[in-house]
C-alpha atoms as a PDB file:
ATOM      1  CA  MET A   1       0.133   0.005   0.020  1.00  0.00           C
ATOM      2  CA  GLU A   2       1.642   3.088  -0.480  1.00  0.00           C
ATOM      3  CA  GLU A   3       1.151   6.370   1.779  1.00  0.00           C
ATOM      4  CA  GLU A   4       0.434   9.399   0.593  1.00  0.00           C
ATOM      5  CA  ARG A   5       2.002  12.613   1.728  1.00  0.00           C
ATOM      6  CA  SER A   6       1.237  15.938   1.163  1.00  0.00           C
ATOM      7  CA  ASP A   7       4.027  18.034   1.925  1.00  0.00           C
ATOM      8  CA  LYS A   8       3.927  22.008   2.267  1.00  0.00           C
ATOM      9  CA  GLY A   9       6.960  23.423   0.614  1.00  0.00           C
ATOM     10  CA  PHE A  10       8.945  26.503   2.036  1.00  0.00           C
ATOM     11  CA  THR A  11      11.047  28.790  -0.538  1.00  0.00           C
ATOM     12  CA  VAL A  12      14.856  30.146   1.045  1.00  0.00           C
ATOM     13  CA  LYS A  13      15.892  33.006   0.027  1.00  0.00           C
ATOM     14  CA  ASP A  14      19.313  34.383   0.121  1.00  0.00           C
ATOM     15  CA  ARG A  15      19.162  38.213   1.740  1.00  0.00           C
ATOM     16  CA  ARG A  16      22.582  38.211   1.898  1.00  0.00           C
ATOM     17  CA  ILE A  17      24.204  41.343   0.279  1.00  0.00           C
ATOM     18  CA  PHE A  18      27.803  39.655  -0.901  1.00  0.00           C
ATOM     19  CA  SER A  19      28.179  35.893  -2.675  1.00  0.00           C
ATOM     20  CA  GLN A  20      30.475  33.527  -0.746  1.00  0.00           C
ATOM     21  CA  ASP A  21      33.245  34.826  -2.780  1.00  0.00           C
ATOM     22  CA  GLY A  22      33.050  38.334  -1.389  1.00  0.00           C
ATOM     23  CA  GLU A  23      31.266  39.596  -4.309  1.00  0.00           C
ATOM     24  CA  LYS A  24      28.747  42.304  -4.123  1.00  0.00           C
ATOM     25  CA  ARG A  25      25.451  39.763  -5.258  1.00  0.00           C
ATOM     26  CA  ALA A  26      23.746  41.412  -8.531  1.00  0.00           C
ATOM     27  CA  ASP A  27      20.533  39.643  -7.599  1.00  0.00           C
ATOM     28  CA  PHE A  28      20.354  41.585  -4.565  1.00  0.00           C
ATOM     29  CA  ASP A  29      17.236  43.144  -3.576  1.00  0.00           C
ATOM     30  CA  LYS A  30      18.168  46.841  -2.220  1.00  0.00           C
ATOM     31  CA  LYS A  31      14.104  47.359  -1.063  1.00  0.00           C
ATOM     32  CA  GLU A  32      14.682  44.566   1.010  1.00  0.00           C
ATOM     33  CA  ALA A  33      18.480  46.227   2.274  1.00  0.00           C
ATOM     34  CA  GLY A  34      16.497  48.836   2.854  1.00  0.00           C
ATOM     35  CA  SER A  35      13.612  47.763   5.090  1.00  0.00           C
ATOM     36  CA  ARG A  36      16.376  45.393   6.838  1.00  0.00           C
ATOM     37  CA  GLU A  37      18.375  49.023   7.865  1.00  0.00           C
ATOM     38  CA  GLU A  38      15.017  50.354   8.677  1.00  0.00           C
ATOM     39  CA  THR A  39      14.197  47.610  11.280  1.00  0.00           C
ATOM     40  CA  LYS A  40      17.889  48.053  12.457  1.00  0.00           C
ATOM     41  CA  GLY A  41      17.623  51.443  13.113  1.00  0.00           C
ATOM     42  CA  ARG A  42      14.254  51.131  14.886  1.00  0.00           C
ATOM     43  CA  GLU A  43      16.001  48.587  17.056  1.00  0.00           C
ATOM     44  CA  GLN A  44      18.783  51.185  17.626  1.00  0.00           C
ATOM     45  CA  GLN A  45      16.631  54.075  19.054  1.00  0.00           C
ATOM     46  CA  LYS A  46      14.755  51.508  21.095  1.00  0.00           C
ATOM     47  CA  GLU A  47      18.052  50.180  23.192  1.00  0.00           C
ATOM     48  CA  GLN A  48      19.239  54.129  23.050  1.00  0.00           C
ATOM     49  CA  ARG A  49      16.241  55.092  24.728  1.00  0.00           C
ATOM     50  CA  GLN A  50      16.251  52.698  27.258  1.00  0.00           C
ATOM     51  CA  GLN A  51      19.839  53.101  28.055  1.00  0.00           C
ATOM     52  CA  GLN A  52      18.727  57.001  28.045  1.00  0.00           C
ATOM     53  CA  VAL A  53      16.462  56.327  31.239  1.00  0.00           C
ATOM     54  CA  PRO A  54      17.980  55.994  34.430  1.00  0.00           C
ATOM     55  CA  LEU A  55      16.683  52.971  36.905  1.00  0.00           C
ATOM     56  CA  PRO A  56      15.415  53.746  39.855  1.00  0.00           C
ATOM     57  CA  GLU A  57      17.095  52.688  42.874  1.00  0.00           C
ATOM     58  CA  VAL A  58      16.297  49.162  44.104  1.00  0.00           C
ATOM     59  CA  ASN A  59      15.059  48.794  47.848  1.00  0.00           C
ATOM     60  CA  PHE A  60      11.978  47.596  48.856  1.00  0.00           C
ATOM     61  CA  SER A  61       9.120  50.148  47.744  1.00  0.00           C
ATOM     62  CA  THR A  62      10.298  50.286  44.614  1.00  0.00           C
ATOM     63  CA  PHE A  63      10.357  46.107  44.143  1.00  0.00           C
ATOM     64  CA  VAL A  64       6.843  46.346  45.553  1.00  0.00           C
ATOM     65  CA  PHE A  65       5.646  49.032  42.961  1.00  0.00           C
ATOM     66  CA  SER A  66       7.471  47.052  40.364  1.00  0.00           C
ATOM     67  CA  LEU A  67       5.274  44.160  41.067  1.00  0.00           C
ATOM     68  CA  SER A  68       2.084  45.901  41.487  1.00  0.00           C
ATOM     69  CA  SER A  69       2.770  47.620  37.903  1.00  0.00           C
ATOM     70  CA  SER A  70       2.543  43.798  36.751  1.00  0.00           C
ATOM     71  CA  ALA A  71      -0.357  42.945  38.667  1.00  0.00           C
ATOM     72  CA  LEU A  72      -2.288  45.776  37.691  1.00  0.00           C
ATOM     73  CA  ALA A  73      -0.860  45.104  33.767  1.00  0.00           C
ATOM     74  CA  HIS A  74      -2.160  41.643  34.209  1.00  0.00           C
ATOM     75  CA  LEU A  75      -5.516  43.159  35.543  1.00  0.00           C
ATOM     76  CA  GLY A  76      -5.982  45.283  32.381  1.00  0.00           C
ATOM     77  CA  GLU A  77      -5.837  48.517  34.375  1.00  0.00           C
ATOM     78  CA  ILE A  78      -2.483  49.811  32.941  1.00  0.00           C
ATOM     79  CA  PRO A  79      -0.868  49.294  29.366  1.00  0.00           C
ATOM     80  CA  ASP A  80       1.524  45.875  29.247  1.00  0.00           C
ATOM     81  CA  PRO A  81       4.865  48.025  29.156  1.00  0.00           C
ATOM     82  CA  MET A  82       5.919  46.094  25.663  1.00  0.00           C
ATOM     83  CA  THR A  83       2.557  45.609  23.129  1.00  0.00           C
ATOM     84  CA  GLY A  84       1.135  49.132  24.939  1.00  0.00           C
ATOM     85  CA  GLN A  85      -2.248  46.993  24.755  1.00  0.00           C
ATOM     86  CA  LYS A  86      -3.855  46.633  27.838  1.00  0.00           C
ATOM     87  CA  LYS A  87      -5.443  42.733  28.216  1.00  0.00           C
ATOM     88  CA  VAL A  88      -6.417  40.894  30.964  1.00  0.00           C
ATOM     89  CA  ASP A  89      -4.781  37.691  32.112  1.00  0.00           C
ATOM     90  CA  LEU A  90      -6.622  37.044  35.569  1.00  0.00           C
ATOM     91  CA  ALA A  91      -4.470  33.461  36.655  1.00  0.00           C
ATOM     92  CA  LEU A  92      -1.255  35.931  36.113  1.00  0.00           C
ATOM     93  CA  ALA A  93      -3.379  38.878  38.615  1.00  0.00           C
ATOM     94  CA  LYS A  94      -3.706  36.636  41.103  1.00  0.00           C
ATOM     95  CA  GLN A  95      -0.232  34.738  40.875  1.00  0.00           C
ATOM     96  CA  THR A  96       1.592  38.170  41.422  1.00  0.00           C
ATOM     97  CA  ILE A  97      -1.338  39.612  44.380  1.00  0.00           C
ATOM     98  CA  ASP A  98       0.183  36.353  45.947  1.00  0.00           C
ATOM     99  CA  ILE A  99       3.577  36.728  45.641  1.00  0.00           C
ATOM    100  CA  LEU A 100       3.193  40.328  47.383  1.00  0.00           C
ATOM    101  CA  GLY A 101       0.673  38.807  50.057  1.00  0.00           C
ATOM    102  CA  MET A 102       3.375  35.959  50.325  1.00  0.00           C
ATOM    103  CA  LEU A 103       6.193  38.374  50.848  1.00  0.00           C
ATOM    104  CA  GLU A 104       3.863  40.283  53.048  1.00  0.00           C
ATOM    105  CA  GLU A 105       3.773  37.048  55.449  1.00  0.00           C
ATOM    106  CA  LYS A 106       7.430  36.321  55.299  1.00  0.00           C
ATOM    107  CA  THR A 107       8.612  39.480  55.839  1.00  0.00           C
ATOM    108  CA  LYS A 108       6.425  40.735  59.114  1.00  0.00           C
ATOM    109  CA  GLY A 109       8.330  42.465  62.340  1.00  0.00           C
ATOM    110  CA  ASN A 110      11.075  43.375  59.269  1.00  0.00           C
ATOM    111  CA  LEU A 111       9.625  46.185  57.426  1.00  0.00           C
ATOM    112  CA  THR A 112      10.051  49.987  58.393  1.00  0.00           C
ATOM    113  CA  SER A 113       6.294  51.038  59.438  1.00  0.00           C
ATOM    114  CA  GLU A 114       6.495  53.277  55.550  1.00  0.00           C
ATOM    115  CA  GLU A 115       7.214  50.139  53.662  1.00  0.00           C
ATOM    116  CA  ASP A 116       4.561  47.648  56.011  1.00  0.00           C
ATOM    117  CA  SER A 117       2.012  50.785  55.308  1.00  0.00           C
ATOM    118  CA  LEU A 118       3.085  50.854  51.244  1.00  0.00           C
ATOM    119  CA  LEU A 119       2.641  46.813  51.420  1.00  0.00           C
ATOM    120  CA  LYS A 120      -0.456  46.950  52.797  1.00  0.00           C
ATOM    121  CA  SER A 121      -2.415  49.581  50.699  1.00  0.00           C
ATOM    122  CA  VAL A 122      -1.124  48.341  47.853  1.00  0.00           C
ATOM    123  CA  LEU A 123      -2.131  44.508  48.735  1.00  0.00           C
ATOM    124  CA  TYR A 124      -5.819  45.786  49.409  1.00  0.00           C
ATOM    125  CA  ASP A 125      -6.142  47.534  46.564  1.00  0.00           C
ATOM    126  CA  LEU A 126      -4.750  45.035  44.119  1.00  0.00           C
ATOM    127  CA  ARG A 127      -6.854  41.948  45.824  1.00  0.00           C
ATOM    128  CA  LEU A 128     -10.202  44.878  45.441  1.00  0.00           C
ATOM    129  CA  ARG A 129      -9.423  45.509  41.669  1.00  0.00           C
ATOM    130  CA  PHE A 130      -9.065  41.727  41.140  1.00  0.00           C
ATOM    131  CA  VAL A 131     -12.175  40.833  43.001  1.00  0.00           C
ATOM    132  CA  LYS A 132     -14.227  43.253  40.723  1.00  0.00           C
ATOM    133  CA  LYS A 133     -12.627  42.179  37.466  1.00  0.00           C
ATOM    134  CA  LYS A 134     -13.049  38.537  38.486  1.00  0.00           C
ATOM    135  CA  LYS A 135     -16.645  39.129  39.167  1.00  0.00           C
ATOM    136  CA  ALA A 136     -17.468  41.190  36.009  1.00  0.00           C
ATOM    137  CA  ALA A 137     -15.677  37.741  34.190  1.00  0.00           C
ATOM    138  CA  GLU A 138     -18.230  35.621  35.490  1.00  0.00           C
ATOM    139  CA  ALA A 139     -20.491  37.706  35.090  1.00  0.00           C
ATOM    140  CA  LYS A 140     -20.105  37.713  31.301  1.00  0.00           C
END
């Protein structure tokens, strides 16, 4: 019995400017080179912007704010910094809130009053927002 196969082929396109001999290829598409250069230029600009932004000092408060921002992004309250879009992912939001809760539990008695107050208020706010989002999702 013969087996029937339907393979989907693919095309390999050589996008190198130079041949193996080091000579510029005659069939090189300048339009492709331009789009590649534009992409490289955008990537370089992005890297430069990231390098110019000074990072805040890393301490307990900035760590809590960072986790809080992640939770807010997962709740769809703020846009994702990478995509710029708001997207709700309740599982990731819950995980991030649980991490903050664990942090509160494990650091009891070792925080300054300001740090303790910050952590408690952030957790209260995030938990409240999570419950609202979850109820809204269940109502749909």
